[in-house]
C-alpha atoms as a PDB file:
ATOM      1  CA  MET A   1     106.736 103.083  86.833  1.00  0.00           C
ATOM      2  CA  VAL A   2     103.492 103.449  85.388  1.00  0.00           C
ATOM      3  CA  ARG A   3     102.937 106.860  83.945  1.00  0.00           C
ATOM      4  CA  LEU A   4      99.658 107.079  81.847  1.00  0.00           C
ATOM      5  CA  THR A   5      97.842 110.158  81.774  1.00  0.00           C
ATOM      6  CA  ALA A   6      94.296 110.599  80.497  1.00  0.00           C
ATOM      7  CA  SER A   7      95.622 112.124  77.316  1.00  0.00           C
ATOM      8  CA  ASP A   8      98.005 109.488  76.566  1.00  0.00           C
ATOM      9  CA  ILE A   9      95.160 107.027  76.865  1.00  0.00           C
ATOM     10  CA  ARG A  10      92.931 109.074  74.862  1.00  0.00           C
ATOM     11  CA  LYS A  11      95.689 108.642  72.043  1.00  0.00           C
ATOM     12  CA  LEU A  12      95.407 104.947  72.317  1.00  0.00           C
ATOM     13  CA  THR A  13      92.956 103.276  69.846  1.00  0.00           C
ATOM     14  CA  PRO A  14      90.358 100.993  71.463  1.00  0.00           C
ATOM     15  CA  PRO A  15      92.239  97.760  70.855  1.00  0.00           C
ATOM     16  CA  GLU A  16      95.443  99.311  72.277  1.00  0.00           C
ATOM     17  CA  ARG A  17      93.712 100.306  75.173  1.00  0.00           C
ATOM     18  CA  VAL A  18      92.392  96.693  75.992  1.00  0.00           C
ATOM     19  CA  LYS A  19      95.956  95.247  75.229  1.00  0.00           C
ATOM     20  CA  LYS A  20      97.388  97.820  77.735  1.00  0.00           C
ATOM     21  CA  LEU A  21      94.767  97.103  80.259  1.00  0.00           C
ATOM     22  CA  GLU A  22      95.433  93.269  80.206  1.00  0.00           C
ATOM     23  CA  GLU A  23      99.119  93.914  80.470  1.00  0.00           C
ATOM     24  CA  LEU A  24      98.349  96.024  83.810  1.00  0.00           C
ATOM     25  CA  TYR A  25      96.265  93.442  85.049  1.00  0.00           C
ATOM     26  CA  ASN A  26      99.081  90.779  84.676  1.00  0.00           C
ATOM     27  CA  GLU A  27     101.480  93.021  86.006  1.00  0.00           C
ATOM     28  CA  LEU A  28      99.348  93.863  88.999  1.00  0.00           C
ATOM     29  CA  SER A  29      98.745  90.082  89.606  1.00  0.00           C
ATOM     30  CA  ASP A  30     102.684  89.608  89.407  1.00  0.00           C
ATOM     31  CA  VAL A  31     103.079  92.329  92.144  1.00  0.00           C
ATOM     32  CA  ARG A  32     100.164  90.637  94.608  1.00  0.00           C
ATOM     33  CA  ILE A  33     102.086  87.463  94.486  1.00  0.00           C
ATOM     34  CA  GLN A  34     105.499  88.908  95.320  1.00  0.00           C
ATOM     35  CA  ILE A  35     103.754  90.770  98.154  1.00  0.00           C
ATOM     36  CA  ALA A  36     101.716  87.429  99.298  1.00  0.00           C
ATOM     37  CA  THR A  37     105.142  85.362  99.132  1.00  0.00           C
ATOM     38  CA  GLY A  38     106.979  87.749 101.306  1.00  0.00           C
ATOM     39  CA  GLY A  39     109.313  89.118  98.728  1.00  0.00           C
ATOM     40  CA  GLY A  40     108.022  92.357  98.819  1.00  0.00           C
ATOM     41  CA  THR A  41     108.609  94.541  95.748  1.00  0.00           C
ATOM     42  CA  GLU A  42     111.506  97.004  95.065  1.00  0.00           C
ATOM     43  CA  ASN A  43     108.885  99.696  95.232  1.00  0.00           C
ATOM     44  CA  PRO A  44     106.027  99.423  97.443  1.00  0.00           C
ATOM     45  CA  TYR A  45     104.097 102.324  95.500  1.00  0.00           C
ATOM     46  CA  ARG A  46     104.125 100.180  92.409  1.00  0.00           C
ATOM     47  CA  GLY A  47     100.656  98.357  93.017  1.00  0.00           C
ATOM     48  CA  ARG A  48      98.889 101.533  93.680  1.00  0.00           C
ATOM     49  CA  ALA A  49     100.419 103.008  90.625  1.00  0.00           C
ATOM     50  CA  ILE A  50      99.293 100.173  88.601  1.00  0.00           C
ATOM     51  CA  LYS A  51      95.599 100.255  90.113  1.00  0.00           C
ATOM     52  CA  ARG A  52      95.420 104.129  89.194  1.00  0.00           C
ATOM     53  CA  ALA A  53      96.421 103.562  85.517  1.00  0.00           C
ATOM     54  CA  ILE A  54      93.792 100.786  85.100  1.00  0.00           C
ATOM     55  CA  ALA A  55      91.167 103.001  86.433  1.00  0.00           C
ATOM     56  CA  ARG A  56      92.256 105.874  84.220  1.00  0.00           C
ATOM     57  CA  ILE A  57      91.790 103.504  81.169  1.00  0.00           C
ATOM     58  CA  LEU A  58      88.592 102.313  82.350  1.00  0.00           C
ATOM     59  CA  THR A  59      87.251 105.859  82.888  1.00  0.00           C
ATOM     60  CA  VAL A  60      88.265 107.118  79.532  1.00  0.00           C
ATOM     61  CA  GLN A  61      86.553 103.965  78.113  1.00  0.00           C
ATOM     62  CA  ARG A  62      83.413 104.847  80.022  1.00  0.00           C
ATOM     63  CA  GLU A  63      83.561 108.159  78.982  1.00  0.00           C
ATOM     64  CA  GLU A  64      83.802 107.275  75.240  1.00  0.00           C
ATOM     65  CA  GLN A  65      80.907 104.882  75.382  1.00  0.00           C
ATOM     66  CA  GLU A  66      78.690 107.488  77.189  1.00  0.00           C
ATOM     67  CA  GLY A  67      79.719 110.107  74.626  1.00  0.00           C
ATOM     68  CA  SER A  68      79.064 107.796  71.573  1.00  0.00           C
ATOM     69  CA  SER A  69      75.292 106.921  72.909  1.00  0.00           C
END
């Protein structure tokens, strides 16, 4: 399960965040493919949790960009 809190994300360096974001996008793609092919997923909430983790990372990145301006 994807359990990323904002404080965990802030502890990561910017390159680590980008890498984590890429991993989450790939994982979301895999979940969407499983659903589209009719296989379903073990946990139907997984896609939503991944989307929320992506949104948290993007929010922290945006906050840091605005703070440094």
